[in-house]
Amino acid sequence: MSTGEYGYPILDFEQQAHKVAIPPPQPFIKSLKNTVKETFFPDDPLRQFKDQPPSRKFVLGIQYFFPIFDWGSRYNLSFFKSDIIAGITIASLSIPQGISYAKLANLPPILGLCKLFKLF
């Protein structure tokens, strides 16, 4: 069972294939609920809300949808400096890239900058 001079084995898929049973269909509402839950809340982020008083649940909810309330109190000047350096680095790479892609597409370079900053 080889392919000529190379010596690779030829696999007979009909003999080696394993059959997997198709799961029974779920009701539409249950399927939709599971899809929405996995899309918006992967890995069950609501577990932190269990067994919490209502005031704590409110604070956790605000922190979940607006993360700045979670880490904002720990943000300091050192982080700000790092963020400025990161922003300058990304801009120094993205601006020439936007101009180059516009030239590559035979468009005015300003269009590459506009798409870079998503102005329109």
N, C-alpha and C. Protein backbone atom coordinates (compact mmCIF):
# COMPACT_ATOMS: atom_id res chain seq x y z
N MET A 1 0.82 -1.19 0.00
CA MET A 1 0.00 0.00 0.00
C MET A 1 0.86 1.25 0.00
N SER A 2 1.52 1.57 -1.06
CA SER A 2 2.31 2.78 -1.13
C SER A 2 2.04 3.47 -2.45
N THR A 3 2.48 4.72 -2.52
CA THR A 3 2.27 5.50 -3.73
C THR A 3 3.56 5.55 -4.53
N GLY A 4 3.88 4.49 -5.19
CA GLY A 4 5.02 4.47 -6.08
C GLY A 4 6.35 4.55 -5.35
N GLU A 5 7.17 5.50 -5.74
CA GLU A 5 8.53 5.59 -5.26
C GLU A 5 8.67 6.25 -3.88
N TYR A 6 7.65 6.96 -3.39
CA TYR A 6 7.79 7.68 -2.13
C TYR A 6 7.57 6.80 -0.91
N GLY A 7 6.76 5.80 -1.02
CA GLY A 7 6.55 4.90 0.10
C GLY A 7 5.54 5.40 1.13
N TYR A 8 4.71 6.38 0.79
CA TYR A 8 3.68 6.83 1.72
C TYR A 8 2.52 5.84 1.69
N PRO A 9 1.95 5.53 2.83
CA PRO A 9 0.83 4.58 2.82
C PRO A 9 -0.42 5.22 2.24
N ILE A 10 -1.18 4.43 1.54
CA ILE A 10 -2.46 4.87 1.01
C ILE A 10 -3.51 4.51 2.05
N LEU A 11 -4.28 5.48 2.47
CA LEU A 11 -5.30 5.24 3.47
C LEU A 11 -6.62 4.90 2.81
N ASP A 12 -7.23 3.85 3.28
CA ASP A 12 -8.54 3.48 2.78
C ASP A 12 -9.56 4.04 3.76
N PHE A 13 -10.12 5.20 3.42
CA PHE A 13 -10.99 5.91 4.33
C PHE A 13 -12.31 5.18 4.58
N GLU A 14 -12.74 4.38 3.63
CA GLU A 14 -14.00 3.67 3.83
C GLU A 14 -13.87 2.65 4.95
N GLN A 15 -12.72 2.05 5.12
CA GLN A 15 -12.52 1.05 6.16
C GLN A 15 -12.19 1.70 7.50
N GLN A 16 -11.57 2.90 7.52
CA GLN A 16 -11.10 3.51 8.75
C GLN A 16 -12.02 4.60 9.28
N ALA A 17 -13.05 4.96 8.56
CA ALA A 17 -13.90 6.05 8.99
C ALA A 17 -14.76 5.63 10.18
N HIS A 18 -14.88 6.53 11.15
CA HIS A 18 -15.74 6.30 12.30
C HIS A 18 -17.00 7.12 12.12
N LYS A 19 -18.10 6.52 12.41
CA LYS A 19 -19.36 7.23 12.27
C LYS A 19 -19.74 7.83 13.61
N VAL A 20 -20.18 9.08 13.57
CA VAL A 20 -20.62 9.79 14.77
C VAL A 20 -22.11 10.06 14.62
N ALA A 21 -22.84 9.76 15.67
CA ALA A 21 -24.28 9.97 15.62
C ALA A 21 -24.59 11.46 15.67
N ILE A 22 -25.59 11.86 14.94
CA ILE A 22 -26.02 13.26 14.93
C ILE A 22 -26.87 13.49 16.18
N PRO A 23 -26.56 14.53 16.94
CA PRO A 23 -27.35 14.77 18.15
C PRO A 23 -28.78 15.15 17.81
N PRO A 24 -29.71 14.87 18.70
CA PRO A 24 -31.10 15.22 18.41
C PRO A 24 -31.25 16.74 18.36
N PRO A 25 -32.14 17.23 17.53
CA PRO A 25 -32.31 18.70 17.43
C PRO A 25 -32.88 19.27 18.73
N GLN A 26 -32.39 20.46 19.07
CA GLN A 26 -32.85 21.16 20.26
C GLN A 26 -34.01 22.07 19.88
N PRO A 27 -34.89 22.36 20.83
CA PRO A 27 -35.95 23.34 20.53
C PRO A 27 -35.33 24.69 20.17
N PHE A 28 -36.04 25.43 19.32
CA PHE A 28 -35.50 26.69 18.80
C PHE A 28 -35.15 27.67 19.93
N ILE A 29 -36.01 27.80 20.92
CA ILE A 29 -35.78 28.76 22.00
C ILE A 29 -34.52 28.38 22.78
N LYS A 30 -34.35 27.10 23.06
CA LYS A 30 -33.17 26.65 23.81
C LYS A 30 -31.90 26.88 22.98
N SER A 31 -31.97 26.59 21.70
CA SER A 31 -30.83 26.79 20.82
C SER A 31 -30.47 28.28 20.72
N LEU A 32 -31.48 29.14 20.59
CA LEU A 32 -31.24 30.58 20.51
C LEU A 32 -30.65 31.10 21.82
N LYS A 33 -31.18 30.63 22.94
CA LYS A 33 -30.67 31.05 24.25
C LYS A 33 -29.20 30.68 24.40
N ASN A 34 -28.84 29.46 24.02
CA ASN A 34 -27.45 29.02 24.12
C ASN A 34 -26.54 29.81 23.19
N THR A 35 -27.02 30.11 21.99
CA THR A 35 -26.21 30.87 21.05
C THR A 35 -25.97 32.29 21.55
N VAL A 36 -27.01 32.95 22.04
CA VAL A 36 -26.87 34.32 22.55
C VAL A 36 -25.96 34.33 23.78
N LYS A 37 -26.13 33.37 24.66
CA LYS A 37 -25.30 33.30 25.87
C LYS A 37 -23.83 33.12 25.51
N GLU A 38 -23.52 32.23 24.57
CA GLU A 38 -22.13 32.02 24.17
C GLU A 38 -21.56 33.21 23.42
N THR A 39 -22.40 33.93 22.69
CA THR A 39 -21.92 35.08 21.92
C THR A 39 -21.58 36.25 22.84
N PHE A 40 -22.49 36.58 23.75
CA PHE A 40 -22.30 37.77 24.56
C PHE A 40 -21.61 37.49 25.90
N PHE A 41 -21.72 36.29 26.40
CA PHE A 41 -21.16 35.97 27.72
C PHE A 41 -20.39 34.66 27.67
N PRO A 42 -19.23 34.64 27.01
CA PRO A 42 -18.46 33.40 26.96
C PRO A 42 -17.90 33.06 28.35
N ASP A 43 -17.78 31.80 28.62
CA ASP A 43 -17.20 31.28 29.86
C ASP A 43 -17.97 31.73 31.10
N ASP A 44 -19.25 31.94 30.98
CA ASP A 44 -20.14 32.25 32.10
C ASP A 44 -19.59 33.34 33.01
N PRO A 45 -19.52 34.58 32.55
CA PRO A 45 -19.00 35.65 33.39
C PRO A 45 -19.96 36.03 34.52
N LEU A 46 -21.18 35.52 34.46
CA LEU A 46 -22.16 35.88 35.49
C LEU A 46 -21.96 35.09 36.78
N ARG A 47 -21.00 34.17 36.81
CA ARG A 47 -20.76 33.40 38.03
C ARG A 47 -20.31 34.29 39.19
N GLN A 48 -19.70 35.43 38.89
CA GLN A 48 -19.27 36.34 39.94
C GLN A 48 -20.45 37.03 40.63
N PHE A 49 -21.64 36.99 40.01
CA PHE A 49 -22.81 37.62 40.59
C PHE A 49 -23.56 36.71 41.58
N LYS A 50 -23.27 35.42 41.53
CA LYS A 50 -23.99 34.48 42.37
C LYS A 50 -23.66 34.72 43.84
N ASP A 51 -24.68 34.63 44.67
CA ASP A 51 -24.55 34.77 46.12
C ASP A 51 -24.00 36.12 46.54
N GLN A 52 -24.32 37.17 45.80
CA GLN A 52 -23.89 38.53 46.14
C GLN A 52 -25.12 39.35 46.49
N PRO A 53 -24.97 40.32 47.42
CA PRO A 53 -26.11 41.20 47.71
C PRO A 53 -26.40 42.10 46.50
N PRO A 54 -27.62 42.64 46.40
CA PRO A 54 -28.00 43.44 45.22
C PRO A 54 -27.07 44.64 44.97
N SER A 55 -26.60 45.29 46.02
CA SER A 55 -25.72 46.45 45.80
C SER A 55 -24.40 46.01 45.16
N ARG A 56 -23.88 44.87 45.60
CA ARG A 56 -22.62 44.36 45.03
C ARG A 56 -22.85 43.91 43.58
N LYS A 57 -24.02 43.31 43.29
CA LYS A 57 -24.34 42.91 41.92
C LYS A 57 -24.38 44.12 41.00
N PHE A 58 -24.94 45.24 41.50
CA PHE A 58 -24.99 46.47 40.70
C PHE A 58 -23.58 46.95 40.37
N VAL A 59 -22.70 46.98 41.38
CA VAL A 59 -21.32 47.44 41.17
C VAL A 59 -20.60 46.51 40.20
N LEU A 60 -20.78 45.20 40.36
CA LEU A 60 -20.14 44.25 39.45
C LEU A 60 -20.67 44.41 38.02
N GLY A 61 -21.97 44.70 37.89
CA GLY A 61 -22.55 44.92 36.56
C GLY A 61 -21.97 46.14 35.89
N ILE A 62 -21.83 47.23 36.64
CA ILE A 62 -21.22 48.45 36.08
C ILE A 62 -19.78 48.17 35.67
N GLN A 63 -19.04 47.45 36.51
CA GLN A 63 -17.64 47.14 36.18
C GLN A 63 -17.54 46.22 34.98
N TYR A 64 -18.51 45.33 34.80
CA TYR A 64 -18.48 44.42 33.66
C TYR A 64 -18.69 45.17 32.35
N PHE A 65 -19.65 46.08 32.30
CA PHE A 65 -19.95 46.80 31.06
C PHE A 65 -19.07 48.03 30.85
N PHE A 66 -18.51 48.58 31.91
CA PHE A 66 -17.59 49.73 31.84
C PHE A 66 -16.34 49.39 32.63
N PRO A 67 -15.39 48.67 32.04
CA PRO A 67 -14.22 48.18 32.77
C PRO A 67 -13.36 49.28 33.39
N ILE A 68 -13.47 50.51 32.92
CA ILE A 68 -12.67 51.59 33.50
C ILE A 68 -12.98 51.76 34.99
N PHE A 69 -14.21 51.44 35.40
CA PHE A 69 -14.54 51.54 36.82
C PHE A 69 -13.83 50.47 37.65
N ASP A 70 -13.39 49.42 37.00
CA ASP A 70 -12.65 48.37 37.70
C ASP A 70 -11.18 48.74 37.85
N TRP A 71 -10.53 49.15 36.75
CA TRP A 71 -9.09 49.39 36.80
C TRP A 71 -8.73 50.86 36.91
N GLY A 72 -9.70 51.75 36.79
CA GLY A 72 -9.41 53.19 36.79
C GLY A 72 -8.75 53.69 38.06
N SER A 73 -9.11 53.13 39.19
CA SER A 73 -8.51 53.59 40.45
C SER A 73 -7.04 53.17 40.58
N ARG A 74 -6.62 52.17 39.83
CA ARG A 74 -5.23 51.70 39.88
C ARG A 74 -4.36 52.32 38.77
N TYR A 75 -4.98 53.11 37.88
CA TYR A 75 -4.25 53.72 36.76
C TYR A 75 -3.36 54.84 37.29
N ASN A 76 -2.09 54.85 36.87
CA ASN A 76 -1.17 55.88 37.37
C ASN A 76 -0.36 56.48 36.22
N LEU A 77 0.54 57.37 36.55
CA LEU A 77 1.34 58.08 35.55
C LEU A 77 2.23 57.12 34.76
N SER A 78 2.72 56.08 35.40
CA SER A 78 3.56 55.11 34.71
C SER A 78 2.77 54.42 33.59
N PHE A 79 1.52 54.04 33.88
CA PHE A 79 0.68 53.44 32.85
C PHE A 79 0.41 54.43 31.73
N PHE A 80 0.20 55.69 32.08
CA PHE A 80 -0.08 56.72 31.08
C PHE A 80 1.11 56.88 30.14
N LYS A 81 2.33 56.91 30.70
CA LYS A 81 3.53 57.01 29.86
C LYS A 81 3.62 55.81 28.91
N SER A 82 3.35 54.63 29.42
CA SER A 82 3.40 53.43 28.58
C SER A 82 2.35 53.49 27.47
N ASP A 83 1.16 53.99 27.80
CA ASP A 83 0.10 54.11 26.80
C ASP A 83 0.47 55.12 25.72
N ILE A 84 1.11 56.22 26.11
CA ILE A 84 1.55 57.23 25.13
C ILE A 84 2.59 56.62 24.19
N ILE A 85 3.55 55.90 24.73
CA ILE A 85 4.58 55.26 23.90
C ILE A 85 3.95 54.25 22.96
N ALA A 86 3.00 53.46 23.46
CA ALA A 86 2.32 52.48 22.61
C ALA A 86 1.55 53.18 21.49
N GLY A 87 0.87 54.29 21.81
CA GLY A 87 0.11 55.02 20.80
C GLY A 87 1.01 55.59 19.72
N ILE A 88 2.14 56.15 20.12
CA ILE A 88 3.09 56.70 19.15
C ILE A 88 3.65 55.59 18.27
N THR A 89 3.94 54.45 18.86
CA THR A 89 4.48 53.31 18.10
C THR A 89 3.48 52.84 17.06
N ILE A 90 2.24 52.66 17.46
CA ILE A 90 1.21 52.20 16.52
C ILE A 90 0.99 53.23 15.42
N ALA A 91 0.95 54.51 15.78
CA ALA A 91 0.76 55.56 14.78
C ALA A 91 1.92 55.59 13.79
N SER A 92 3.16 55.42 14.30
CA SER A 92 4.32 55.47 13.40
C SER A 92 4.33 54.31 12.42
N LEU A 93 3.65 53.23 12.76
CA LEU A 93 3.56 52.10 11.83
C LEU A 93 2.33 52.20 10.94
N SER A 94 1.22 52.67 11.49
CA SER A 94 -0.05 52.66 10.77
C SER A 94 -0.15 53.76 9.72
N ILE A 95 0.39 54.93 10.00
CA ILE A 95 0.27 56.04 9.05
C ILE A 95 0.98 55.72 7.73
N PRO A 96 2.25 55.29 7.74
CA PRO A 96 2.86 54.93 6.46
C PRO A 96 2.17 53.75 5.78
N GLN A 97 1.64 52.82 6.58
CA GLN A 97 0.94 51.69 5.99
C GLN A 97 -0.33 52.15 5.26
N GLY A 98 -1.08 53.06 5.86
CA GLY A 98 -2.28 53.56 5.22
C GLY A 98 -1.97 54.29 3.93
N ILE A 99 -0.94 55.11 3.95
CA ILE A 99 -0.53 55.83 2.74
C ILE A 99 -0.09 54.85 1.66
N SER A 100 0.68 53.84 2.05
CA SER A 100 1.19 52.86 1.08
C SER A 100 0.06 52.06 0.44
N TYR A 101 -0.90 51.63 1.25
CA TYR A 101 -2.02 50.87 0.69
C TYR A 101 -2.83 51.73 -0.26
N ALA A 102 -2.98 53.00 0.03
CA ALA A 102 -3.71 53.89 -0.88
C ALA A 102 -2.95 54.02 -2.20
N LYS A 103 -1.64 54.19 -2.14
CA LYS A 103 -0.85 54.28 -3.37
C LYS A 103 -0.89 52.97 -4.15
N LEU A 104 -0.88 51.86 -3.42
CA LEU A 104 -0.94 50.55 -4.06
C LEU A 104 -2.25 50.38 -4.83
N ALA A 105 -3.31 50.97 -4.33
CA ALA A 105 -4.62 50.89 -4.99
C ALA A 105 -4.84 52.04 -5.97
N ASN A 106 -3.80 52.82 -6.25
CA ASN A 106 -3.87 53.97 -7.15
C ASN A 106 -4.90 54.98 -6.68
N LEU A 107 -4.92 55.23 -5.38
CA LEU A 107 -5.80 56.23 -4.77
C LEU A 107 -4.95 57.34 -4.17
N PRO A 108 -5.54 58.49 -3.94
CA PRO A 108 -4.77 59.56 -3.28
C PRO A 108 -4.36 59.12 -1.86
N PRO A 109 -3.17 59.47 -1.42
CA PRO A 109 -2.70 59.06 -0.09
C PRO A 109 -3.61 59.50 1.05
N ILE A 110 -4.32 60.61 0.86
CA ILE A 110 -5.20 61.08 1.93
C ILE A 110 -6.31 60.08 2.21
N LEU A 111 -6.73 59.33 1.19
CA LEU A 111 -7.76 58.31 1.41
C LEU A 111 -7.25 57.19 2.30
N GLY A 112 -5.97 56.87 2.18
CA GLY A 112 -5.38 55.86 3.06
C GLY A 112 -5.38 56.32 4.50
N LEU A 113 -5.11 57.61 4.71
CA LEU A 113 -5.16 58.16 6.08
C LEU A 113 -6.59 58.22 6.60
N CYS A 114 -7.52 58.58 5.71
CA CYS A 114 -8.92 58.64 6.16
C CYS A 114 -9.42 57.27 6.56
N LYS A 115 -9.08 56.24 5.83
CA LYS A 115 -9.51 54.89 6.19
C LYS A 115 -8.78 54.41 7.44
N LEU A 116 -7.57 54.87 7.63
CA LEU A 116 -6.80 54.51 8.81
C LEU A 116 -7.49 54.99 10.07
N PHE A 117 -7.97 56.23 10.02
CA PHE A 117 -8.63 56.81 11.19
C PHE A 117 -10.15 56.73 11.09
N LYS A 118 -10.64 56.02 10.06
CA LYS A 118 -12.07 55.77 9.87
C LYS A 118 -12.90 57.05 9.93
N LEU A 119 -12.49 58.01 9.16
CA LEU A 119 -13.22 59.29 9.14
C LEU A 119 -14.51 59.19 8.34
N PHE A 120 -14.56 58.31 7.35
CA PHE A 120 -15.80 58.11 6.60
C PHE A 120 -15.87 56.71 6.09
